[in-house]
Amino acid sequence: MKEKIKLSGVPETMLQTIYARAKESGGRGTIHDTKAEEIVGKLDYDFTLAEKDTAMHSGVIARTIVLDRLTKAWLSAHPGAVVVSIACGLDTRCYRMKGFCHWYNLDLPETMAVREKLLPESGTISQIAMSAMDDWGGEIKEQNAPVLVVIEGLTMYLSEADVQRIFAVIAKRFCQATVFVETMNPMVVKRFKEKSIDANNAKFTWGVKNGEALAELLPDFRFVEEHSLCEGMAVFAPVYKALDKLSIVRNISNKLIVLEKV
């Protein structure tokens, strides 16, 4: 019997994103996400809007490609690290990565109740049912391991103060930490809508121009580098290799920004 899921607002967007990954994994195959395929196969949910939303699909797959590459490289350089995936939803990256000592998936209680049902996790993978703005640092048991925090698909639904609060929690808990955070350009926030996301009453509310501008808002962090989602798009649409060289395209593309605690 299939699992009927009832969610609304931002938490419901996780069903759209896991569908995009499952469809890509079982179709074109630029990513391989067997966990996503398995979960979508268990759900009683109308994915009609997600099926038609090519912009959402392309964006999800592009950021998955880039973040998987960045995370894999970081873990190779920091064996035995702790990873905290903020606003994880039904993200399955922890099943595609190796080399960590503990992976924490964090999201709102109503979201984690769904994750617990579909992805019961234990051992080196833990679940934290809290808001990203809560003081969740005490839930991280390891003291001296290198730490990576991944914030994917969240900041565009928040306010500047919310984003600063998340980074304050990270800064308070960890002496050293690397953060991969996805951001949206302010102009895109105002003008762009994804049909399947908008239908869930999840509205884009905040953006930042680039990694340097973000670091200016976060006194405890320094900007390291940033990656355009065009890098991921180029894997399945080669024209983006050329488009990524155009500053106007890079500027409006979502960014994956790398920051380090100072």
Protein backbone atom coordinates (compact mmCIF):
# COMPACT_ATOMS: atom_id res chain seq x y z
CA MET A 1 0.00 0.00 0.00
CA LYS A 2 1.36 3.42 -0.97
CA GLU A 3 2.05 6.13 1.62
CA LYS A 4 -0.25 9.17 1.46
CA ILE A 5 1.63 12.35 2.40
CA LYS A 6 -0.05 15.61 3.44
CA LEU A 7 2.17 18.68 3.60
CA SER A 8 1.85 22.33 2.64
CA GLY A 9 4.04 25.40 2.18
CA VAL A 10 7.82 25.08 2.09
CA PRO A 11 7.88 21.51 3.56
CA GLU A 12 5.82 20.28 0.58
CA THR A 13 8.55 21.37 -1.84
CA MET A 14 10.62 18.37 -0.73
CA LEU A 15 8.19 16.10 -2.59
CA GLN A 16 8.79 18.06 -5.79
CA THR A 17 12.57 17.89 -5.44
CA ILE A 18 12.75 14.19 -4.66
CA TYR A 19 10.48 13.53 -7.64
CA ALA A 20 12.85 15.49 -9.88
CA ARG A 21 15.82 13.42 -8.67
CA ALA A 22 13.95 10.14 -9.04
CA LYS A 23 12.80 11.00 -12.56
CA GLU A 24 16.33 12.01 -13.60
CA SER A 25 17.88 8.93 -12.02
CA GLY A 26 15.44 6.58 -13.72
CA GLY A 27 15.49 8.47 -17.04
CA ARG A 28 18.34 10.53 -18.48
CA GLY A 29 20.62 9.41 -15.66
CA THR A 30 22.92 12.40 -15.14
CA ILE A 31 22.54 11.55 -11.44
CA HIS A 32 22.03 8.15 -9.84
CA ASP A 33 19.66 8.35 -6.90
CA THR A 34 18.17 4.92 -6.31
CA LYS A 35 16.90 5.98 -2.87
CA ALA A 36 14.82 8.73 -4.47
CA GLU A 37 13.39 6.27 -7.00
CA GLU A 38 12.54 3.87 -4.20
CA ILE A 39 10.78 6.56 -2.11
CA VAL A 40 8.76 8.06 -4.99
CA GLY A 41 7.59 4.53 -5.81
CA LYS A 42 6.11 4.29 -2.31
CA LEU A 43 4.19 7.59 -2.37
CA ASP A 44 0.54 8.23 -3.06
CA TYR A 45 0.91 11.82 -4.26
CA ASP A 46 -0.07 13.78 -7.36
CA PHE A 47 3.21 14.74 -9.05
CA THR A 48 1.50 16.25 -12.13
CA LEU A 49 2.82 19.76 -11.54
CA ALA A 50 6.34 18.52 -10.81
CA GLU A 51 6.21 16.41 -13.97
CA LYS A 52 5.51 19.52 -16.07
CA ASP A 53 7.87 21.91 -14.26
CA THR A 54 11.03 21.66 -16.36
CA ALA A 55 12.60 24.76 -14.75
CA MET A 56 12.31 23.25 -11.27
CA HIS A 57 13.60 19.88 -12.53
CA SER A 58 16.65 21.39 -14.22
CA GLY A 59 17.50 23.51 -11.19
CA VAL A 60 17.23 20.59 -8.75
CA ILE A 61 19.38 18.33 -10.91
CA ALA A 62 21.98 21.06 -11.56
CA ARG A 63 22.44 21.82 -7.87
CA THR A 64 22.53 18.10 -7.05
CA ILE A 65 25.36 17.60 -9.55
CA VAL A 66 27.38 20.56 -8.22
CA LEU A 67 26.78 19.86 -4.52
CA ASP A 68 27.53 16.16 -4.89
CA ARG A 69 30.83 17.04 -6.55
CA LEU A 70 31.76 19.63 -3.91
CA THR A 71 30.76 17.40 -1.00
CA LYS A 72 32.61 14.38 -2.35
CA ALA A 73 35.79 16.44 -2.83
CA TRP A 74 35.51 18.01 0.63
CA LEU A 75 35.01 14.65 2.35
CA SER A 76 38.00 13.20 0.48
CA ALA A 77 40.13 16.01 1.94
CA HIS A 78 38.57 15.73 5.43
CA PRO A 79 38.15 12.03 6.28
CA GLY A 80 36.18 11.34 9.43
CA ALA A 81 34.23 14.60 9.17
CA VAL A 82 30.82 15.52 10.52
CA VAL A 83 28.21 16.71 8.02
CA VAL A 84 25.07 18.67 8.91
CA SER A 85 22.46 18.88 6.15
CA ILE A 86 20.13 21.79 6.99
CA ALA A 87 16.59 21.76 5.56
CA CYS A 88 17.30 18.24 4.33
CA GLY A 89 13.71 17.35 3.42
CA LEU A 90 14.00 14.00 1.66
CA ASP A 91 17.57 14.61 0.52
CA THR A 92 19.48 11.38 -0.04
CA ARG A 93 23.04 12.72 -0.40
CA CYS A 94 24.15 10.88 2.75
CA TYR A 95 23.60 7.61 0.88
CA ARG A 96 25.79 8.69 -2.03
CA MET A 97 28.75 9.89 0.04
CA LYS A 98 31.57 8.09 1.84
CA GLY A 99 34.20 9.12 4.38
CA PHE A 100 32.11 10.88 7.04
CA CYS A 101 31.98 9.75 10.66
CA HIS A 102 28.49 11.14 11.30
CA TRP A 103 25.86 12.74 9.08
CA TYR A 104 23.05 14.79 10.66
CA ASN A 105 19.88 15.52 8.67
CA LEU A 106 17.99 18.51 10.11
CA ASP A 107 14.58 19.90 9.26
CA LEU A 108 11.29 21.06 10.76
CA PRO A 109 9.45 18.53 12.98
CA GLU A 110 6.60 18.00 10.48
CA THR A 111 9.15 17.38 7.73
CA MET A 112 11.23 15.00 9.82
CA ALA A 113 8.11 13.03 10.76
CA VAL A 114 7.70 12.28 7.05
CA ARG A 115 11.41 11.52 6.63
CA GLU A 116 11.37 9.19 9.63
CA LYS A 117 8.52 7.26 8.02
CA LEU A 118 10.13 7.02 4.58
CA LEU A 119 13.83 7.03 5.53
CA PRO A 120 14.30 5.64 9.05
CA GLU A 121 17.93 6.33 9.91
CA SER A 122 20.30 5.35 12.71
CA GLY A 123 23.96 4.75 13.49
CA THR A 124 26.17 7.17 11.59
CA ILE A 125 23.12 8.95 10.11
CA SER A 126 20.97 10.90 12.60
CA GLN A 127 17.84 13.02 12.33
CA ILE A 128 17.28 16.33 14.12
CA ALA A 129 13.70 17.64 14.17
CA MET A 130 14.27 21.37 14.69
CA SER A 131 14.13 24.63 12.78
CA ALA A 132 17.39 25.77 11.22
CA MET A 133 16.99 28.94 13.31
CA ASP A 134 16.76 26.98 16.59
CA ASP A 135 19.84 26.36 18.73
CA TRP A 136 20.43 22.88 17.29
CA GLY A 137 24.19 22.87 17.90
CA GLY A 138 23.82 20.91 21.12
CA GLU A 139 22.50 17.95 19.13
CA ILE A 140 25.89 17.50 17.44
CA LYS A 141 27.84 15.11 19.67
CA GLU A 142 31.28 15.16 18.05
CA GLN A 143 33.66 17.78 19.43
CA ASN A 144 36.85 17.92 17.37
CA ALA A 145 36.00 16.51 13.94
CA PRO A 146 36.06 18.74 10.85
CA VAL A 147 32.55 19.98 10.06
CA LEU A 148 30.69 20.60 6.80
CA VAL A 149 27.28 22.28 6.83
CA VAL A 150 25.16 22.04 3.68
CA ILE A 151 22.26 24.48 3.24
CA GLU A 152 20.41 23.62 0.04
CA GLY A 153 17.14 25.02 -1.27
CA LEU A 154 16.35 27.08 1.84
CA THR A 155 17.69 30.64 1.97
CA MET A 156 15.41 31.91 -0.80
CA TYR A 157 12.38 31.24 1.45
CA LEU A 158 13.82 33.13 4.45
CA SER A 159 14.66 36.69 5.51
CA GLU A 160 18.13 38.17 5.87
CA ALA A 161 17.77 37.99 9.67
CA ASP A 162 16.84 34.28 9.43
CA VAL A 163 19.96 33.56 7.37
CA GLN A 164 22.13 35.46 9.85
CA ARG A 165 20.57 33.48 12.70
CA ILE A 166 21.44 30.14 11.07
CA PHE A 167 25.06 31.19 10.65
CA ALA A 168 25.14 32.47 14.25
CA VAL A 169 24.12 28.98 15.43
CA ILE A 170 26.91 27.43 13.33
CA ALA A 171 29.48 29.94 14.59
CA LYS A 172 28.49 29.39 18.23
CA ARG A 173 28.76 25.60 18.05
CA PHE A 174 31.85 25.00 15.89
CA CYS A 175 35.38 26.33 16.17
CA GLN A 176 35.96 25.47 12.52
CA ALA A 177 33.35 24.83 9.87
CA THR A 178 32.90 24.92 6.12
CA VAL A 179 29.47 25.85 4.77
CA PHE A 180 28.04 25.17 1.32
CA VAL A 181 24.97 27.39 0.92
CA GLU A 182 22.67 27.86 -2.05
CA THR A 183 21.48 31.42 -2.73
CA MET A 184 19.28 33.13 -5.28
CA ASN A 185 19.83 36.50 -6.98
CA PRO A 186 17.49 39.24 -5.58
CA MET A 187 16.24 40.07 -9.08
CA VAL A 188 15.26 36.44 -9.64
CA VAL A 189 13.52 36.31 -6.26
CA LYS A 190 11.23 39.15 -7.37
CA ARG A 191 10.47 37.93 -10.87
CA PHE A 192 10.81 34.16 -11.12
CA LYS A 193 8.27 31.51 -10.17
CA GLU A 194 8.48 27.73 -10.38
CA LYS A 195 4.99 26.39 -11.10
CA SER A 196 5.12 23.35 -8.85
CA ILE A 197 6.76 25.24 -5.97
CA ASP A 198 4.43 28.23 -6.24
CA ALA A 199 1.43 25.90 -6.19
CA ASN A 200 2.56 24.74 -2.74
CA ASN A 201 2.26 28.36 -1.47
CA ALA A 202 6.02 28.48 -0.98
CA LYS A 203 7.20 31.95 -2.03
CA PHE A 204 10.73 33.13 -2.79
CA THR A 205 11.47 35.99 -0.36
CA TRP A 206 15.23 36.67 -0.13
CA GLY A 207 18.32 36.73 -2.27
CA VAL A 208 21.88 38.00 -2.30
CA LYS A 209 24.03 39.15 -5.20
CA ASN A 210 27.06 36.90 -4.66
CA GLY A 211 29.29 35.19 -2.12
CA GLU A 212 31.20 38.32 -1.17
CA ALA A 213 27.95 40.16 -0.45
CA LEU A 214 26.78 37.24 1.69
CA ALA A 215 30.03 37.17 3.67
CA GLU A 216 29.59 40.88 4.45
CA LEU A 217 26.41 39.96 6.34
CA LEU A 218 28.16 37.23 8.36
CA PRO A 219 30.98 38.57 10.59
CA ASP A 220 32.16 35.11 11.65
CA PHE A 221 32.63 33.77 8.11
CA ARG A 222 34.85 34.43 5.13
CA PHE A 223 34.05 33.90 1.47
CA VAL A 224 36.08 31.13 -0.19
CA GLU A 225 34.54 30.55 -3.63
CA GLU A 226 31.24 30.23 -5.43
CA HIS A 227 29.81 28.02 -8.13
CA SER A 228 27.02 28.81 -10.55
CA LEU A 229 24.31 26.23 -11.16
CA CYS A 230 25.31 26.61 -14.82
CA GLU A 231 28.16 24.20 -13.98
CA GLY A 232 25.58 21.52 -13.24
CA MET A 233 23.33 22.49 -16.15
CA ALA A 234 26.28 22.03 -18.53
CA VAL A 235 26.36 18.31 -17.70
CA PHE A 236 23.00 17.71 -19.45
CA ALA A 237 22.76 20.88 -21.60
CA PRO A 238 26.24 21.60 -23.07
CA VAL A 239 25.23 25.10 -24.21
CA TYR A 240 25.63 26.15 -20.57
CA LYS A 241 29.38 25.68 -20.83
CA ALA A 242 29.36 28.76 -23.05
CA LEU A 243 26.59 30.56 -21.16
CA ASP A 244 28.46 30.13 -17.87
CA LYS A 245 31.21 32.36 -19.26
CA LEU A 246 28.76 35.24 -19.67
CA SER A 247 28.67 37.38 -16.53
CA ILE A 248 24.99 38.24 -17.01
CA VAL A 249 24.05 34.54 -16.94
CA ARG A 250 26.32 33.74 -13.98
CA ASN A 251 24.92 36.72 -12.09
CA ILE A 252 21.29 35.61 -12.29
CA SER A 253 21.97 31.91 -11.76
CA ASN A 254 21.57 30.42 -8.30
CA LYS A 255 24.93 30.22 -6.53
CA LEU A 256 26.48 27.55 -4.37
CA ILE A 257 28.67 29.59 -2.08
CA VAL A 258 31.53 28.18 0.00
CA LEU A 259 32.21 29.95 3.30
CA GLU A 260 34.55 29.14 6.19
CA LYS A 261 34.29 30.18 9.81
CA VAL A 262 37.11 32.57 10.73
